[in-house]
Amino acid sequence: MTFISISLLIASTLTFVAAASAAKAWAVSENSVSWLFTTLVLYTLGNLIMLRLIREVGMGVALSLSAVIQLVAINIVAFALYDERVSGVQSVGLVLAVMAVALITFGASES
């Protein structure tokens, strides 16, 4: 992956984590329209960044990497800021998801 594609991946992850945090803020608010609007804007921006990343590295790699990195990042935010927890089975699922994307990503370089 190039510097640009890594930068796009980081930017999309940060944008989607911010969007998820805004969505949580909306969920715990009294249906605040401003949080809802912020959530929608951030998710739209994240998807626009993803379109460029797909062009750079391809759909399969871009979406797989993004999905797992977001999965981990959003769970860290959920655990640290919102005191949310996952079950043992869900923890295993998180680990398996990370392993799956690692295999997809590193396996692509062998082709």
Protein backbone atom coordinates (compact mmCIF):
# COMPACT_ATOMS: atom_id res chain seq x y z
CA MET A 1 0.00 0.00 0.00
CA THR A 2 1.18 3.49 -0.81
CA PHE A 3 1.44 6.45 1.54
CA ILE A 4 -1.73 7.90 -0.02
CA SER A 5 -3.75 4.72 0.49
CA ILE A 6 -2.58 4.42 4.11
CA SER A 7 -3.47 8.08 4.67
CA LEU A 8 -6.91 7.52 3.17
CA LEU A 9 -7.43 4.48 5.38
CA ILE A 10 -6.47 6.46 8.49
CA ALA A 11 -8.69 9.39 7.46
CA SER A 12 -11.68 7.13 6.80
CA THR A 13 -11.19 5.31 10.10
CA LEU A 14 -11.01 8.54 12.08
CA THR A 15 -14.07 9.86 10.26
CA PHE A 16 -16.08 6.69 10.86
CA VAL A 17 -15.06 6.58 14.54
CA ALA A 18 -16.21 10.19 14.89
CA ALA A 19 -19.45 9.29 13.11
CA ALA A 20 -20.04 6.33 15.42
CA SER A 21 -19.38 8.54 18.44
CA ALA A 22 -21.84 11.11 17.11
CA ALA A 23 -24.38 8.32 16.58
CA LYS A 24 -23.92 7.22 20.20
CA ALA A 25 -24.33 10.83 21.33
CA TRP A 26 -27.55 11.03 19.33
CA ALA A 27 -28.76 7.73 20.79
CA VAL A 28 -28.30 8.88 24.38
CA SER A 29 -29.61 12.39 23.71
CA GLU A 30 -33.23 13.31 23.38
CA ASN A 31 -33.16 12.68 19.63
CA SER A 32 -31.07 15.78 19.01
CA VAL A 33 -31.33 16.85 15.38
CA SER A 34 -27.85 18.38 15.51
CA TRP A 35 -26.28 15.03 16.53
CA LEU A 36 -28.26 13.26 13.83
CA PHE A 37 -27.10 15.77 11.20
CA THR A 38 -23.49 15.50 12.41
CA THR A 39 -23.69 11.71 12.22
CA LEU A 40 -25.00 11.77 8.66
CA VAL A 41 -22.40 14.29 7.49
CA LEU A 42 -19.54 12.28 9.01
CA TYR A 43 -20.74 8.98 7.53
CA THR A 44 -21.12 10.64 4.12
CA LEU A 45 -17.60 12.08 4.34
CA GLY A 46 -16.23 8.69 5.40
CA ASN A 47 -17.86 7.01 2.42
CA LEU A 48 -16.46 9.61 0.03
CA ILE A 49 -12.98 8.92 1.40
CA MET A 50 -13.63 5.19 0.98
CA LEU A 51 -14.51 5.69 -2.70
CA ARG A 52 -11.05 7.13 -3.28
CA LEU A 53 -9.46 4.30 -1.27
CA ILE A 54 -11.31 1.72 -3.38
CA ARG A 55 -9.88 3.36 -6.47
CA GLU A 56 -6.38 3.16 -4.96
CA VAL A 57 -6.27 -0.44 -3.70
CA GLY A 58 -9.39 -2.19 -4.99
CA MET A 59 -12.74 -2.91 -3.45
CA GLY A 60 -11.94 -6.15 -1.63
CA VAL A 61 -8.80 -4.96 0.11
CA ALA A 62 -10.14 -1.47 0.89
CA LEU A 63 -13.41 -2.64 2.39
CA SER A 64 -11.87 -5.56 4.28
CA LEU A 65 -9.13 -3.45 5.83
CA SER A 66 -11.47 -0.61 6.62
CA ALA A 67 -14.08 -2.87 8.19
CA VAL A 68 -11.67 -4.55 10.59
CA ILE A 69 -9.74 -1.43 11.50
CA GLN A 70 -13.04 0.32 12.21
CA LEU A 71 -14.26 -2.71 14.15
CA VAL A 72 -11.26 -2.53 16.46
CA ALA A 73 -11.17 1.28 16.71
CA ILE A 74 -14.87 1.66 17.40
CA ASN A 75 -14.78 -1.07 20.03
CA ILE A 76 -11.86 0.66 21.75
CA VAL A 77 -13.90 3.88 21.83
CA ALA A 78 -17.00 2.01 23.04
CA PHE A 79 -15.02 0.34 25.85
CA ALA A 80 -13.01 3.40 26.88
CA LEU A 81 -15.54 6.20 26.57
CA TYR A 82 -18.94 4.55 26.92
CA ASP A 83 -18.09 1.65 29.28
CA GLU A 84 -19.62 -0.87 26.88
CA ARG A 85 -18.58 -4.53 27.01
CA VAL A 86 -18.68 -7.57 24.71
CA SER A 87 -19.29 -11.19 25.64
CA GLY A 88 -16.67 -13.91 25.41
CA VAL A 89 -18.09 -15.16 22.12
CA GLN A 90 -18.08 -11.62 20.71
CA SER A 91 -14.44 -11.21 21.81
CA VAL A 92 -13.52 -14.36 19.90
CA GLY A 93 -15.36 -12.95 16.88
CA LEU A 94 -13.33 -9.73 17.05
CA VAL A 95 -10.07 -11.69 17.16
CA LEU A 96 -11.14 -13.92 14.26
CA ALA A 97 -12.17 -10.88 12.21
CA VAL A 98 -8.75 -9.30 12.67
CA MET A 99 -7.05 -12.57 11.74
CA ALA A 100 -9.24 -12.93 8.64
CA VAL A 101 -8.33 -9.52 7.32
CA ALA A 102 -4.66 -10.10 8.03
CA LEU A 103 -4.84 -13.27 5.94
CA ILE A 104 -6.69 -11.44 3.13
CA THR A 105 -4.25 -8.54 3.16
CA PHE A 106 -1.03 -10.53 3.36
CA GLY A 107 -2.35 -13.20 1.02
CA ALA A 108 -2.87 -10.58 -1.70
CA SER A 109 0.88 -9.85 -1.82
CA GLU A 110 1.61 -13.48 -2.70
CA SER A 111 -0.45 -13.38 -5.91
